[in-house]
Amino acid sequence: MFRIGFRAMGCGCEIVIASTAKKEAKAISAVGIKEVGRIERKYSRYLAGSVVSKINEAAADDWVECDEETSALLDYADVLYQGSDGLFDITSGVLRRAWDFDKAKVPAPESLFPLLKLIGWKQVERKGNSIRLQLKGMQLDFGGIGKEYAADAAATILLENGVTSGYVNLAGDIRVIGPKPGGEPWIIGIQDPRNSEKMIASIPIYSGGLATSGDYERFFETGGRRYCHILNPVSGFPVSFWRSITVLAPLATTAGSCTTIAMLKESDGLSYLRQSGMMYFAIDQSGKMYHNE
């Protein structure tokens, strides 16, 4: 069993595969790492040459032609928007202009008002494979699905290259390709959202995707309240009902979007999780835990 660590999308990642030789494991892992890098370069809002940057730069002006992969991701974003009653909105990334989680400061309401006007998937025009943002200053942000999509894509390529046992782990967004060589499941620990040194639960996984969303990844505390990076596109403020939500699904992309939507739905998140039909493990702000019966 070989673990190959690397950095991508601003975080520590790893590929774990069963192989007879380290040299072979490194060579195969390199193919998966290359795929993660390709997706980051293509969809990161921070990179000037990315598809997302081109769409954002053309806001209110030009239409941008998209390839099939990008169009498929936009279709998925539309499905998530509709299925979340508008809470999962990939135009809400503009709120980061007001929220700086490196500084423990709550933005003034007047700084949020102009940004909230720029949020709205319904203000995104699509015609065939072309897209246009209606308002100057609008932005798309694939941060809510990009990392999970990259984990799935890398796992698919590894599978195509003969890997049948292992997983791709992009900072906790995991896609399991297949069980351990002996057929046993991988045991994936779930972090205690209030103690980074402790695992609060563990999940056995034979295949599929696992993702966790929580209020402990990027946050600050002030005035006795915790403000996390998961922002409601309607209010402009962070969610506050859940400490963390973990979902196991066939794909990491599905698991990730499910956890985010449940976080955004606040107290209605549990009902959403139950209706999803997926395995889940959730912890509310009182520390109470919920999971499939």
C-alpha atoms as a PDB file:
ATOM      1  CA  MET A   1       0.000   0.000   0.000  1.00  0.00           C
ATOM      2  CA  PHE A   2       1.445   3.349  -1.024  1.00  0.00           C
ATOM      3  CA  ARG A   3       0.458   6.884  -0.024  1.00  0.00           C
ATOM      4  CA  ILE A   4       1.521   9.655  -2.373  1.00  0.00           C
ATOM      5  CA  GLY A   5       1.041  13.129  -0.925  1.00  0.00           C
ATOM      6  CA  PHE A   6       0.756  16.339  -2.941  1.00  0.00           C
ATOM      7  CA  ARG A   7      -0.677  19.844  -2.757  1.00  0.00           C
ATOM      8  CA  ALA A   8      -3.535  21.113  -4.901  1.00  0.00           C
ATOM      9  CA  MET A   9      -6.332  23.662  -4.600  1.00  0.00           C
ATOM     10  CA  GLY A  10      -4.572  25.252  -1.650  1.00  0.00           C
ATOM     11  CA  CYS A  11      -4.604  22.162   0.539  1.00  0.00           C
ATOM     12  CA  GLY A  12      -2.822  18.923   1.354  1.00  0.00           C
ATOM     13  CA  CYS A  13      -3.979  15.909  -0.653  1.00  0.00           C
ATOM     14  CA  GLU A  14      -3.069  12.256  -1.110  1.00  0.00           C
ATOM     15  CA  ILE A  15      -3.611   9.280  -3.353  1.00  0.00           C
ATOM     16  CA  VAL A  16      -3.586   5.863  -1.707  1.00  0.00           C
ATOM     17  CA  ILE A  17      -3.276   2.800  -3.949  1.00  0.00           C
ATOM     18  CA  ALA A  18      -2.392  -0.857  -3.662  1.00  0.00           C
ATOM     19  CA  SER A  19       0.568  -1.684  -5.858  1.00  0.00           C
ATOM     20  CA  THR A  20       3.380  -4.221  -5.998  1.00  0.00           C
ATOM     21  CA  ALA A  21       6.077  -1.577  -6.471  1.00  0.00           C
ATOM     22  CA  LYS A  22       6.607   1.981  -5.262  1.00  0.00           C
ATOM     23  CA  LYS A  23       7.842   3.125  -8.664  1.00  0.00           C
ATOM     24  CA  GLU A  24       4.683   1.835 -10.312  1.00  0.00           C
ATOM     25  CA  ALA A  25       2.490   3.426  -7.624  1.00  0.00           C
ATOM     26  CA  LYS A  26       4.157   6.812  -8.136  1.00  0.00           C
ATOM     27  CA  ALA A  27       3.792   6.612 -11.904  1.00  0.00           C
ATOM     28  CA  ILE A  28       0.081   5.781 -11.734  1.00  0.00           C
ATOM     29  CA  SER A  29      -0.563   8.365  -9.024  1.00  0.00           C
ATOM     30  CA  ALA A  30       1.078  11.006 -11.195  1.00  0.00           C
ATOM     31  CA  VAL A  31      -1.707  10.516 -13.735  1.00  0.00           C
ATOM     32  CA  GLY A  32      -4.340  11.225 -11.076  1.00  0.00           C
ATOM     33  CA  ILE A  33      -2.414  14.214  -9.719  1.00  0.00           C
ATOM     34  CA  LYS A  34      -2.148  15.617 -13.240  1.00  0.00           C
ATOM     35  CA  GLU A  35      -5.931  15.389 -13.615  1.00  0.00           C
ATOM     36  CA  VAL A  36      -6.492  17.277 -10.354  1.00  0.00           C
ATOM     37  CA  GLY A  37      -4.111  19.972 -11.593  1.00  0.00           C
ATOM     38  CA  ARG A  38      -5.952  20.192 -14.912  1.00  0.00           C
ATOM     39  CA  ILE A  39      -9.270  20.808 -13.186  1.00  0.00           C
ATOM     40  CA  GLU A  40      -7.764  23.390 -10.836  1.00  0.00           C
ATOM     41  CA  ARG A  41      -6.237  25.325 -13.739  1.00  0.00           C
ATOM     42  CA  LYS A  42      -9.495  25.151 -15.665  1.00  0.00           C
ATOM     43  CA  TYR A  43     -11.949  26.148 -12.935  1.00  0.00           C
ATOM     44  CA  SER A  44     -10.129  28.059 -10.196  1.00  0.00           C
ATOM     45  CA  ARG A  45     -11.462  31.579  -9.756  1.00  0.00           C
ATOM     46  CA  TYR A  46      -7.984  32.610  -8.631  1.00  0.00           C
ATOM     47  CA  LEU A  47      -6.241  31.797 -11.917  1.00  0.00           C
ATOM     48  CA  ALA A  48      -6.479  34.406 -14.664  1.00  0.00           C
ATOM     49  CA  GLY A  49      -6.595  31.941 -17.538  1.00  0.00           C
ATOM     50  CA  SER A  50      -9.320  29.694 -16.100  1.00  0.00           C
ATOM     51  CA  VAL A  51     -12.740  29.267 -17.697  1.00  0.00           C
ATOM     52  CA  VAL A  52     -14.368  30.734 -14.587  1.00  0.00           C
ATOM     53  CA  SER A  53     -12.136  33.816 -14.684  1.00  0.00           C
ATOM     54  CA  LYS A  54     -12.969  34.394 -18.343  1.00  0.00           C
ATOM     55  CA  ILE A  55     -16.704  34.162 -17.623  1.00  0.00           C
ATOM     56  CA  ASN A  56     -16.388  36.536 -14.648  1.00  0.00           C
ATOM     57  CA  GLU A  57     -14.300  39.062 -16.572  1.00  0.00           C
ATOM     58  CA  ALA A  58     -16.906  39.162 -19.354  1.00  0.00           C
ATOM     59  CA  ALA A  59     -19.808  39.846 -16.941  1.00  0.00           C
ATOM     60  CA  ALA A  60     -22.442  42.199 -18.394  1.00  0.00           C
ATOM     61  CA  ASP A  61     -20.554  42.332 -21.679  1.00  0.00           C
ATOM     62  CA  ASP A  62     -19.767  39.232 -23.693  1.00  0.00           C
ATOM     63  CA  TRP A  63     -20.999  35.681 -24.035  1.00  0.00           C
ATOM     64  CA  VAL A  64     -18.405  32.994 -23.307  1.00  0.00           C
ATOM     65  CA  GLU A  65     -18.434  29.721 -25.218  1.00  0.00           C
ATOM     66  CA  CYS A  66     -18.043  26.660 -22.976  1.00  0.00           C
ATOM     67  CA  ASP A  67     -16.952  23.121 -23.769  1.00  0.00           C
ATOM     68  CA  GLU A  68     -19.029  20.059 -22.893  1.00  0.00           C
ATOM     69  CA  GLU A  69     -17.343  19.485 -19.541  1.00  0.00           C
ATOM     70  CA  THR A  70     -18.031  23.037 -18.382  1.00  0.00           C
ATOM     71  CA  SER A  71     -21.602  22.946 -19.702  1.00  0.00           C
ATOM     72  CA  ALA A  72     -22.199  19.720 -17.760  1.00  0.00           C
ATOM     73  CA  LEU A  73     -20.950  21.359 -14.542  1.00  0.00           C
ATOM     74  CA  LEU A  74     -23.220  24.352 -15.175  1.00  0.00           C
ATOM     75  CA  ASP A  75     -26.133  21.962 -15.702  1.00  0.00           C
ATOM     76  CA  TYR A  76     -25.305  20.338 -12.374  1.00  0.00           C
ATOM     77  CA  ALA A  77     -25.144  23.748 -10.692  1.00  0.00           C
ATOM     78  CA  ASP A  78     -28.624  24.438 -12.047  1.00  0.00           C
ATOM     79  CA  VAL A  79     -29.908  21.143 -10.621  1.00  0.00           C
ATOM     80  CA  LEU A  80     -28.424  22.025  -7.222  1.00  0.00           C
ATOM     81  CA  TYR A  81     -29.951  25.499  -7.299  1.00  0.00           C
ATOM     82  CA  GLN A  82     -33.395  24.107  -8.080  1.00  0.00           C
ATOM     83  CA  GLY A  83     -33.090  21.260  -5.569  1.00  0.00           C
ATOM     84  CA  SER A  84     -31.989  23.541  -2.737  1.00  0.00           C
ATOM     85  CA  ASP A  85     -34.698  26.196  -3.191  1.00  0.00           C
ATOM     86  CA  GLY A  86     -32.008  28.601  -4.365  1.00  0.00           C
ATOM     87  CA  LEU A  87     -29.633  28.116  -1.433  1.00  0.00           C
ATOM     88  CA  PHE A  88     -26.877  26.399  -3.443  1.00  0.00           C
ATOM     89  CA  ASP A  89     -25.986  29.247  -5.779  1.00  0.00           C
ATOM     90  CA  ILE A  90     -22.619  29.373  -7.532  1.00  0.00           C
ATOM     91  CA  THR A  91     -22.963  33.152  -7.975  1.00  0.00           C
ATOM     92  CA  SER A  92     -22.722  33.705  -4.195  1.00  0.00           C
ATOM     93  CA  GLY A  93     -18.914  33.739  -4.148  1.00  0.00           C
ATOM     94  CA  VAL A  94     -18.979  37.552  -4.363  1.00  0.00           C
ATOM     95  CA  LEU A  95     -19.746  37.565  -0.636  1.00  0.00           C
ATOM     96  CA  ARG A  96     -16.082  36.818   0.038  1.00  0.00           C
ATOM     97  CA  ARG A  97     -15.422  40.477  -0.809  1.00  0.00           C
ATOM     98  CA  ALA A  98     -17.107  41.342   2.489  1.00  0.00           C
ATOM     99  CA  TRP A  99     -16.119  38.324   4.585  1.00  0.00           C
ATOM    100  CA  ASP A 100     -12.420  37.966   5.400  1.00  0.00           C
ATOM    101  CA  PHE A 101     -11.959  34.977   7.685  1.00  0.00           C
ATOM    102  CA  ASP A 102      -8.372  35.935   8.409  1.00  0.00           C
ATOM    103  CA  LYS A 103      -9.765  38.937  10.265  1.00  0.00           C
ATOM    104  CA  ALA A 104     -12.253  38.497  13.104  1.00  0.00           C
ATOM    105  CA  LYS A 105     -14.588  41.208  11.858  1.00  0.00           C
ATOM    106  CA  VAL A 106     -18.274  40.993  10.971  1.00  0.00           C
ATOM    107  CA  PRO A 107     -19.001  43.131   7.890  1.00  0.00           C
ATOM    108  CA  ALA A 108     -21.480  45.981   8.183  1.00  0.00           C
ATOM    109  CA  PRO A 109     -24.894  45.297   6.591  1.00  0.00           C
ATOM    110  CA  GLU A 110     -24.390  48.181   4.157  1.00  0.00           C
ATOM    111  CA  SER A 111     -21.340  46.398   2.729  1.00  0.00           C
ATOM    112  CA  LEU A 112     -23.444  43.294   2.035  1.00  0.00           C
ATOM    113  CA  PHE A 113     -26.384  44.982   0.292  1.00  0.00           C
ATOM    114  CA  PRO A 114     -24.635  45.719  -3.028  1.00  0.00           C
ATOM    115  CA  LEU A 115     -23.150  42.220  -3.097  1.00  0.00           C
ATOM    116  CA  LEU A 116     -26.500  40.532  -2.489  1.00  0.00           C
ATOM    117  CA  LYS A 117     -27.791  42.265  -5.639  1.00  0.00           C
ATOM    118  CA  LEU A 118     -25.078  40.469  -7.624  1.00  0.00           C
ATOM    119  CA  ILE A 119     -26.193  37.046  -6.400  1.00  0.00           C
ATOM    120  CA  GLY A 120     -28.745  35.062  -8.336  1.00  0.00           C
ATOM    121  CA  TRP A 121     -28.438  32.047 -10.604  1.00  0.00           C
ATOM    122  CA  LYS A 122     -31.534  33.352 -12.411  1.00  0.00           C
ATOM    123  CA  GLN A 123     -29.405  36.296 -13.535  1.00  0.00           C
ATOM    124  CA  VAL A 124     -27.142  33.934 -15.458  1.00  0.00           C
ATOM    125  CA  GLU A 125     -28.011  33.657 -19.144  1.00  0.00           C
ATOM    126  CA  ARG A 126     -27.329  30.470 -21.066  1.00  0.00           C
ATOM    127  CA  LYS A 127     -27.773  29.840 -24.763  1.00  0.00           C
ATOM    128  CA  GLY A 128     -26.600  26.495 -26.053  1.00  0.00           C
ATOM    129  CA  ASN A 129     -23.072  26.072 -24.670  1.00  0.00           C
ATOM    130  CA  SER A 130     -22.583  29.816 -24.166  1.00  0.00           C
ATOM    131  CA  ILE A 131     -22.995  31.708 -20.907  1.00  0.00           C
ATOM    132  CA  ARG A 132     -23.256  35.345 -19.870  1.00  0.00           C
ATOM    133  CA  LEU A 133     -23.558  36.991 -16.470  1.00  0.00           C
ATOM    134  CA  GLN A 134     -26.113  39.797 -16.673  1.00  0.00           C
ATOM    135  CA  LEU A 135     -24.608  42.255 -14.179  1.00  0.00           C
ATOM    136  CA  LYS A 136     -21.188  43.862 -13.941  1.00  0.00           C
ATOM    137  CA  GLY A 137     -19.438  42.466 -10.894  1.00  0.00           C
ATOM    138  CA  MET A 138     -21.240  39.127 -10.912  1.00  0.00           C
ATOM    139  CA  GLN A 139     -19.048  36.061 -10.500  1.00  0.00           C
ATOM    140  CA  LEU A 140     -19.263  32.312 -10.771  1.00  0.00           C
ATOM    141  CA  ASP A 141     -17.480  30.262  -8.144  1.00  0.00           C
ATOM    142  CA  PHE A 142     -17.150  26.485  -8.474  1.00  0.00           C
ATOM    143  CA  GLY A 143     -15.698  26.227  -4.964  1.00  0.00           C
ATOM    144  CA  GLY A 144     -18.734  24.286  -3.775  1.00  0.00           C
ATOM    145  CA  ILE A 145     -18.244  21.436  -6.251  1.00  0.00           C
ATOM    146  CA  GLY A 146     -14.769  21.798  -7.773  1.00  0.00           C
ATOM    147  CA  LYS A 147     -12.693  19.834  -5.271  1.00  0.00           C
ATOM    148  CA  GLU A 148     -15.159  16.959  -5.116  1.00  0.00           C
ATOM    149  CA  TYR A 149     -15.415  16.887  -8.908  1.00  0.00           C
ATOM    150  CA  ALA A 150     -11.608  16.723  -9.111  1.00  0.00           C
ATOM    151  CA  ALA A 151     -11.546  13.773  -6.684  1.00  0.00           C
ATOM    152  CA  ASP A 152     -14.051  11.892  -8.842  1.00  0.00           C
ATOM    153  CA  ALA A 153     -12.199  12.715 -12.055  1.00  0.00           C
ATOM    154  CA  ALA A 154      -8.843  11.596 -10.644  1.00  0.00           C
ATOM    155  CA  ALA A 155     -10.365   8.359  -9.332  1.00  0.00           C
ATOM    156  CA  THR A 156     -11.905   7.640 -12.739  1.00  0.00           C
ATOM    157  CA  ILE A 157      -8.545   8.024 -14.456  1.00  0.00           C
ATOM    158  CA  LEU A 158      -6.825   5.806 -11.894  1.00  0.00           C
ATOM    159  CA  LEU A 159      -9.487   3.158 -12.443  1.00  0.00           C
ATOM    160  CA  GLU A 160      -8.921   3.396 -16.202  1.00  0.00           C
ATOM    161  CA  ASN A 161      -5.222   2.823 -15.530  1.00  0.00           C
ATOM    162  CA  GLY A 162      -5.845  -0.428 -13.699  1.00  0.00           C
ATOM    163  CA  VAL A 163      -6.217   0.711 -10.078  1.00  0.00           C
ATOM    164  CA  THR A 164      -8.904  -1.309  -8.304  1.00  0.00           C
ATOM    165  CA  SER A 165      -7.916  -0.724  -4.672  1.00  0.00           C
ATOM    166  CA  GLY A 166      -7.375   2.731  -3.191  1.00  0.00           C
ATOM    167  CA  TYR A 167      -8.770   6.224  -2.906  1.00  0.00           C
ATOM    168  CA  VAL A 168      -8.213   9.893  -3.720  1.00  0.00           C
ATOM    169  CA  ASN A 169      -8.302  12.283  -0.760  1.00  0.00           C
ATOM    170  CA  LEU A 170      -8.444  16.006  -1.496  1.00  0.00           C
ATOM    171  CA  ALA A 171      -8.360  17.536   1.984  1.00  0.00           C
ATOM    172  CA  GLY A 172     -11.175  15.338   3.275  1.00  0.00           C
ATOM    173  CA  ASP A 173     -13.180  15.109   0.066  1.00  0.00           C
ATOM    174  CA  ILE A 174     -12.670  11.430  -0.697  1.00  0.00           C
ATOM    175  CA  ARG A 175     -13.463   9.158  -3.613  1.00  0.00           C
ATOM    176  CA  VAL A 176     -12.860   5.489  -2.896  1.00  0.00           C
ATOM    177  CA  ILE A 177     -12.028   3.466  -6.032  1.00  0.00           C
ATOM    178  CA  GLY A 178     -12.348   0.047  -4.436  1.00  0.00           C
ATOM    179  CA  PRO A 179     -11.799  -1.824  -1.140  1.00  0.00           C
ATOM    180  CA  LYS A 180      -8.486  -2.974   0.300  1.00  0.00           C
ATOM    181  CA  PRO A 181      -6.790  -5.833  -1.607  1.00  0.00           C
ATOM    182  CA  GLY A 182      -8.306  -8.380   0.763  1.00  0.00           C
ATOM    183  CA  GLY A 183     -11.802  -7.008   0.229  1.00  0.00           C
ATOM    184  CA  GLU A 184     -11.984  -5.151   3.542  1.00  0.00           C
ATOM    185  CA  PRO A 185     -13.390  -1.618   3.627  1.00  0.00           C
ATOM    186  CA  TRP A 186     -11.307   1.486   4.209  1.00  0.00           C
ATOM    187  CA  ILE A 187     -12.033   2.991   7.619  1.00  0.00           C
ATOM    188  CA  ILE A 188     -12.333   6.757   7.238  1.00  0.00           C
ATOM    189  CA  GLY A 189     -12.351   8.843  10.404  1.00  0.00           C
ATOM    190  CA  ILE A 190     -14.622  11.860  10.902  1.00  0.00           C
ATOM    191  CA  GLN A 191     -13.012  14.752  12.724  1.00  0.00           C
ATOM    192  CA  ASP A 192     -14.515  16.123  15.904  1.00  0.00           C
ATOM    193  CA  PRO A 193     -15.526  19.653  14.815  1.00  0.00           C
ATOM    194  CA  ARG A 194     -14.450  21.008  18.187  1.00  0.00           C
ATOM    195  CA  ASN A 195     -11.184  19.076  18.559  1.00  0.00           C
ATOM    196  CA  SER A 196      -8.872  18.755  15.550  1.00  0.00           C
ATOM    197  CA  GLU A 197      -6.851  16.056  17.327  1.00  0.00           C
ATOM    198  CA  LYS A 198      -9.828  13.761  17.827  1.00  0.00           C
ATOM    199  CA  MET A 199     -11.985  11.574  15.583  1.00  0.00           C
ATOM    200  CA  ILE A 200     -15.617  11.525  16.668  1.00  0.00           C
ATOM    201  CA  ALA A 201     -16.700   8.630  14.431  1.00  0.00           C
ATOM    202  CA  SER A 202     -15.470   6.355  11.658  1.00  0.00           C
ATOM    203  CA  ILE A 203     -17.132   5.044   8.504  1.00  0.00           C
ATOM    204  CA  PRO A 204     -16.246   1.827   6.626  1.00  0.00           C
ATOM    205  CA  ILE A 205     -16.225   2.427   2.858  1.00  0.00           C
ATOM    206  CA  TYR A 206     -15.856  -0.089   0.051  1.00  0.00           C
ATOM    207  CA  SER A 207     -16.427   2.422  -2.758  1.00  0.00           C
ATOM    208  CA  GLY A 208     -18.034   5.786  -3.399  1.00  0.00           C
ATOM    209  CA  GLY A 209     -17.550   9.356  -2.265  1.00  0.00           C
ATOM    210  CA  LEU A 210     -17.342  10.857   1.218  1.00  0.00           C
ATOM    211  CA  ALA A 211     -17.470  14.576   1.987  1.00  0.00           C
ATOM    212  CA  THR A 212     -17.806  16.712   5.081  1.00  0.00           C
ATOM    213  CA  SER A 213     -18.914  20.323   5.478  1.00  0.00           C
ATOM    214  CA  GLY A 214     -18.480  22.082   8.782  1.00  0.00           C
ATOM    215  CA  ASP A 215     -18.178  25.340  10.669  1.00  0.00           C
ATOM    216  CA  TYR A 216     -14.620  24.536  11.760  1.00  0.00           C
ATOM    217  CA  GLU A 217     -12.761  24.683   8.437  1.00  0.00           C
ATOM    218  CA  ARG A 218     -12.559  28.492   8.098  1.00  0.00           C
ATOM    219  CA  PHE A 219     -14.095  30.623  10.799  1.00  0.00           C
ATOM    220  CA  PHE A 220     -13.613  33.263  13.440  1.00  0.00           C
ATOM    221  CA  GLU A 221     -15.310  33.898  16.757  1.00  0.00           C
ATOM    222  CA  THR A 222     -16.367  37.262  18.129  1.00  0.00           C
ATOM    223  CA  GLY A 223     -19.047  38.396  20.533  1.00  0.00           C
ATOM    224  CA  GLY A 224     -19.604  34.816  21.645  1.00  0.00           C
ATOM    225  CA  ARG A 225     -20.597  33.665  18.161  1.00  0.00           C
ATOM    226  CA  ARG A 226     -18.830  31.575  15.542  1.00  0.00           C
ATOM    227  CA  TYR A 227     -18.871  32.815  11.938  1.00  0.00           C
ATOM    228  CA  CYS A 228     -17.952  30.166   9.360  1.00  0.00           C
ATOM    229  CA  HIS A 229     -17.202  30.277   5.636  1.00  0.00           C
ATOM    230  CA  ILE A 230     -20.483  28.691   4.486  1.00  0.00           C
ATOM    231  CA  LEU A 231     -22.565  31.734   3.567  1.00  0.00           C
ATOM    232  CA  ASN A 232     -26.298  31.947   2.957  1.00  0.00           C
ATOM    233  CA  PRO A 233     -26.848  33.662  -0.433  1.00  0.00           C
ATOM    234  CA  VAL A 234     -30.108  35.248   0.755  1.00  0.00           C
ATOM    235  CA  SER A 235     -28.943  36.828   4.025  1.00  0.00           C
ATOM    236  CA  GLY A 236     -25.246  37.116   3.227  1.00  0.00           C
ATOM    237  CA  PHE A 237     -24.425  35.689   6.661  1.00  0.00           C
ATOM    238  CA  PRO A 238     -22.835  32.376   7.692  1.00  0.00           C
ATOM    239  CA  VAL A 239     -24.893  29.338   8.574  1.00  0.00           C
ATOM    240  CA  SER A 240     -25.040  28.509  12.271  1.00  0.00           C
ATOM    241  CA  PHE A 241     -27.183  25.427  12.991  1.00  0.00           C
ATOM    242  CA  TRP A 242     -24.708  22.584  12.305  1.00  0.00           C
ATOM    243  CA  ARG A 243     -21.176  21.919  13.508  1.00  0.00           C
ATOM    244  CA  SER A 244     -20.567  19.413  10.714  1.00  0.00           C
ATOM    245  CA  ILE A 245     -22.323  17.148   8.245  1.00  0.00           C
ATOM    246  CA  THR A 246     -20.769  14.116   6.530  1.00  0.00           C
ATOM    247  CA  VAL A 247     -22.390  12.279   3.622  1.00  0.00           C
ATOM    248  CA  LEU A 248     -21.513   9.038   1.848  1.00  0.00           C
ATOM    249  CA  ALA A 249     -22.710   8.888  -1.772  1.00  0.00           C
ATOM    250  CA  PRO A 250     -21.797   7.108  -5.022  1.00  0.00           C
ATOM    251  CA  LEU A 251     -19.701  10.140  -6.055  1.00  0.00           C
ATOM    252  CA  ALA A 252     -17.688  12.682  -4.068  1.00  0.00           C
ATOM    253  CA  THR A 253     -19.379  15.438  -6.089  1.00  0.00           C
ATOM    254  CA  THR A 254     -22.805  14.268  -4.953  1.00  0.00           C
ATOM    255  CA  ALA A 255     -21.689  13.857  -1.343  1.00  0.00           C
ATOM    256  CA  GLY A 256     -20.155  17.335  -1.247  1.00  0.00           C
ATOM    257  CA  SER A 257     -23.146  19.155  -2.688  1.00  0.00           C
ATOM    258  CA  CYS A 258     -25.451  17.231  -0.342  1.00  0.00           C
ATOM    259  CA  THR A 259     -23.488  18.262   2.769  1.00  0.00           C
ATOM    260  CA  THR A 260     -23.380  21.899   1.678  1.00  0.00           C
ATOM    261  CA  ILE A 261     -27.094  22.080   0.942  1.00  0.00           C
ATOM    262  CA  ALA A 262     -27.903  20.461   4.300  1.00  0.00           C
ATOM    263  CA  MET A 263     -25.693  23.028   6.066  1.00  0.00           C
ATOM    264  CA  LEU A 264     -27.424  25.859   4.194  1.00  0.00           C
ATOM    265  CA  LYS A 265     -30.879  24.536   5.071  1.00  0.00           C
ATOM    266  CA  GLU A 266     -30.046  24.988   8.757  1.00  0.00           C
ATOM    267  CA  SER A 267     -32.719  23.247  10.912  1.00  0.00           C
ATOM    268  CA  ASP A 268     -34.375  21.806   7.786  1.00  0.00           C
ATOM    269  CA  GLY A 269     -31.114  20.116   6.868  1.00  0.00           C
ATOM    270  CA  LEU A 270     -31.946  16.899   8.711  1.00  0.00           C
ATOM    271  CA  SER A 271     -35.154  16.452   6.747  1.00  0.00           C
ATOM    272  CA  TYR A 272     -33.217  17.063   3.539  1.00  0.00           C
ATOM    273  CA  LEU A 273     -30.627  14.448   4.497  1.00  0.00           C
ATOM    274  CA  ARG A 274     -33.292  11.875   5.320  1.00  0.00           C
ATOM    275  CA  GLN A 275     -35.038  12.492   1.998  1.00  0.00           C
ATOM    276  CA  SER A 276     -31.753  12.227   0.063  1.00  0.00           C
ATOM    277  CA  GLY A 277     -31.561   8.499   0.737  1.00  0.00           C
ATOM    278  CA  MET A 278     -27.809   8.764   1.410  1.00  0.00           C
ATOM    279  CA  MET A 279     -25.844   7.784   4.483  1.00  0.00           C
ATOM    280  CA  TYR A 280     -25.142  10.756   6.744  1.00  0.00           C
ATOM    281  CA  PHE A 281     -23.601  11.706  10.066  1.00  0.00           C
ATOM    282  CA  ALA A 282     -24.447  15.166  11.395  1.00  0.00           C
ATOM    283  CA  ILE A 283     -23.665  17.144  14.545  1.00  0.00           C
ATOM    284  CA  ASP A 284     -25.687  20.187  15.586  1.00  0.00           C
ATOM    285  CA  GLN A 285     -24.472  23.138  17.651  1.00  0.00           C
ATOM    286  CA  SER A 286     -25.423  21.460  20.931  1.00  0.00           C
ATOM    287  CA  GLY A 287     -23.203  18.497  20.035  1.00  0.00           C
ATOM    288  CA  LYS A 288     -26.117  16.149  19.388  1.00  0.00           C
ATOM    289  CA  MET A 289     -25.367  13.573  16.690  1.00  0.00           C
ATOM    290  CA  TYR A 290     -27.700  12.319  13.961  1.00  0.00           C
ATOM    291  CA  HIS A 291     -27.202   9.430  11.575  1.00  0.00           C
ATOM    292  CA  ASN A 292     -29.101   6.848   9.547  1.00  0.00           C
ATOM    293  CA  GLU A 293     -30.924   4.308  11.648  1.00  0.00           C
END
